[in-house]
Amino acid sequence: MALEAYASRNRDEVHTDVLFEARQACYKARDAFYACLEKEADKKPTEIGSVGLLYPKECKPSREAYEKSCRLSWVKHFDRQYCKNKRMQRLLDDKETRRGV
């Protein structure tokens, strides 16, 4: 009973519009960084991101914006996801060449 009274008086308000804007900014920065990775794929990676992700120095400004816009746990999650997808794509491409397709 006392807990309910306390909760009703000190209710934290969640501003969903602010959370939505922050998520959108994070996604935009993430997409810009990964677009840079794809564009600069022919260059030698010299920088190290989280979870062992390597990227060229040309993508460093977009990486910094990405890390600034997103939570660290999100950056790690998206980096893992990107590496997993790239690895899967390499495996699929390799299997197609073995089949003689």
Protein backbone atom coordinates (compact mmCIF):
# COMPACT_ATOMS: atom_id res chain seq x y z
CA MET A 1 0.00 0.00 0.00
CA ALA A 2 2.73 2.46 0.95
CA LEU A 3 4.67 1.50 -2.16
CA GLU A 4 1.69 2.32 -4.38
CA ALA A 5 1.29 5.73 -2.74
CA TYR A 6 5.00 6.46 -3.21
CA ALA A 7 4.89 5.34 -6.83
CA SER A 8 1.87 7.49 -7.61
CA ARG A 9 3.56 10.61 -6.15
CA ASN A 10 7.01 10.09 -7.70
CA ARG A 11 6.15 8.83 -11.11
CA ASP A 12 8.98 9.07 -13.62
CA GLU A 13 7.70 10.34 -16.89
CA VAL A 14 9.02 8.68 -20.00
CA HIS A 15 9.36 11.02 -22.93
CA THR A 16 8.92 8.64 -25.81
CA ASP A 17 9.56 11.35 -28.40
CA VAL A 18 13.06 11.89 -26.99
CA LEU A 19 13.76 8.16 -26.91
CA PHE A 20 12.51 7.80 -30.49
CA GLU A 21 14.72 10.65 -31.71
CA ALA A 22 17.78 9.19 -29.97
CA ARG A 23 17.15 5.77 -31.52
CA GLN A 24 16.73 7.30 -34.96
CA ALA A 25 19.99 9.27 -34.55
CA CYS A 26 21.75 6.06 -33.52
CA TYR A 27 20.40 4.13 -36.51
CA LYS A 28 21.38 6.92 -38.88
CA ALA A 29 24.95 7.06 -37.52
CA ARG A 30 25.19 3.25 -37.64
CA ASP A 31 24.01 3.12 -41.24
CA ALA A 32 26.47 5.86 -42.24
CA PHE A 33 29.36 3.93 -40.67
CA TYR A 34 28.47 0.63 -42.31
CA ALA A 35 27.94 2.39 -45.65
CA CYS A 36 31.46 3.76 -45.30
CA LEU A 37 32.74 0.25 -44.56
CA GLU A 38 31.14 -1.06 -47.73
CA LYS A 39 32.40 1.87 -49.79
CA GLU A 40 35.96 1.59 -48.47
CA ALA A 41 36.04 -2.23 -48.50
CA ASP A 42 39.04 -2.30 -50.85
CA LYS A 43 41.21 -0.29 -48.42
CA LYS A 44 43.31 -1.94 -45.75
CA PRO A 45 41.65 -1.82 -42.31
CA THR A 46 43.90 -0.09 -39.79
CA GLU A 47 41.51 0.80 -36.96
CA ILE A 48 39.99 -1.58 -34.42
CA GLY A 49 36.39 -1.29 -33.27
CA SER A 50 34.55 -3.31 -30.70
CA VAL A 51 34.39 -7.12 -30.87
CA GLY A 52 37.35 -7.24 -33.26
CA LEU A 53 35.74 -5.27 -36.10
CA LEU A 54 38.43 -3.76 -38.31
CA TYR A 55 37.82 -0.68 -40.43
CA PRO A 56 39.88 1.71 -42.60
CA LYS A 57 40.97 5.10 -41.28
CA GLU A 58 38.71 6.82 -43.82
CA CYS A 59 35.74 5.62 -41.76
CA LYS A 60 37.08 6.90 -38.44
CA PRO A 61 34.93 10.09 -38.36
CA SER A 62 31.75 8.13 -39.04
CA ARG A 63 32.79 5.55 -36.42
CA GLU A 64 33.25 8.29 -33.82
CA ALA A 65 29.81 9.72 -34.65
CA TYR A 66 28.36 6.20 -34.41
CA GLU A 67 29.91 5.60 -30.99
CA LYS A 68 28.78 9.02 -29.79
CA SER A 69 25.18 8.53 -30.95
CA CYS A 70 24.65 4.99 -29.67
CA ARG A 71 25.01 3.24 -26.34
CA LEU A 72 28.12 1.08 -26.05
CA SER A 73 26.02 -2.08 -25.69
CA TRP A 74 24.20 -1.21 -28.93
CA VAL A 75 27.48 -0.58 -30.75
CA LYS A 76 28.78 -3.98 -29.67
CA HIS A 77 25.51 -5.65 -30.67
CA PHE A 78 25.43 -4.02 -34.11
CA ASP A 79 29.13 -4.81 -34.68
CA ARG A 80 28.60 -8.46 -33.79
CA GLN A 81 25.57 -8.59 -36.05
CA TYR A 82 27.49 -7.00 -38.93
CA CYS A 83 30.44 -9.40 -38.53
CA LYS A 84 28.11 -12.40 -38.34
CA ASN A 85 26.26 -11.32 -41.50
CA LYS A 86 29.50 -10.71 -43.40
CA ARG A 87 30.86 -14.10 -42.32
CA MET A 88 27.63 -15.80 -43.38
CA GLN A 89 27.72 -14.03 -46.75
CA ARG A 90 31.32 -15.18 -47.33
CA LEU A 91 30.33 -18.75 -46.50
CA LEU A 92 27.36 -18.62 -48.86
CA ASP A 93 29.47 -17.09 -51.63
CA ASP A 94 32.13 -19.77 -51.09
CA LYS A 95 29.56 -22.58 -51.30
CA GLU A 96 28.19 -21.24 -54.60
CA THR A 97 31.65 -21.22 -56.15
CA ARG A 98 32.20 -24.82 -55.01
CA ARG A 99 28.96 -25.96 -56.60
CA GLY A 100 30.06 -24.66 -59.95
CA VAL A 101 27.05 -22.36 -60.24
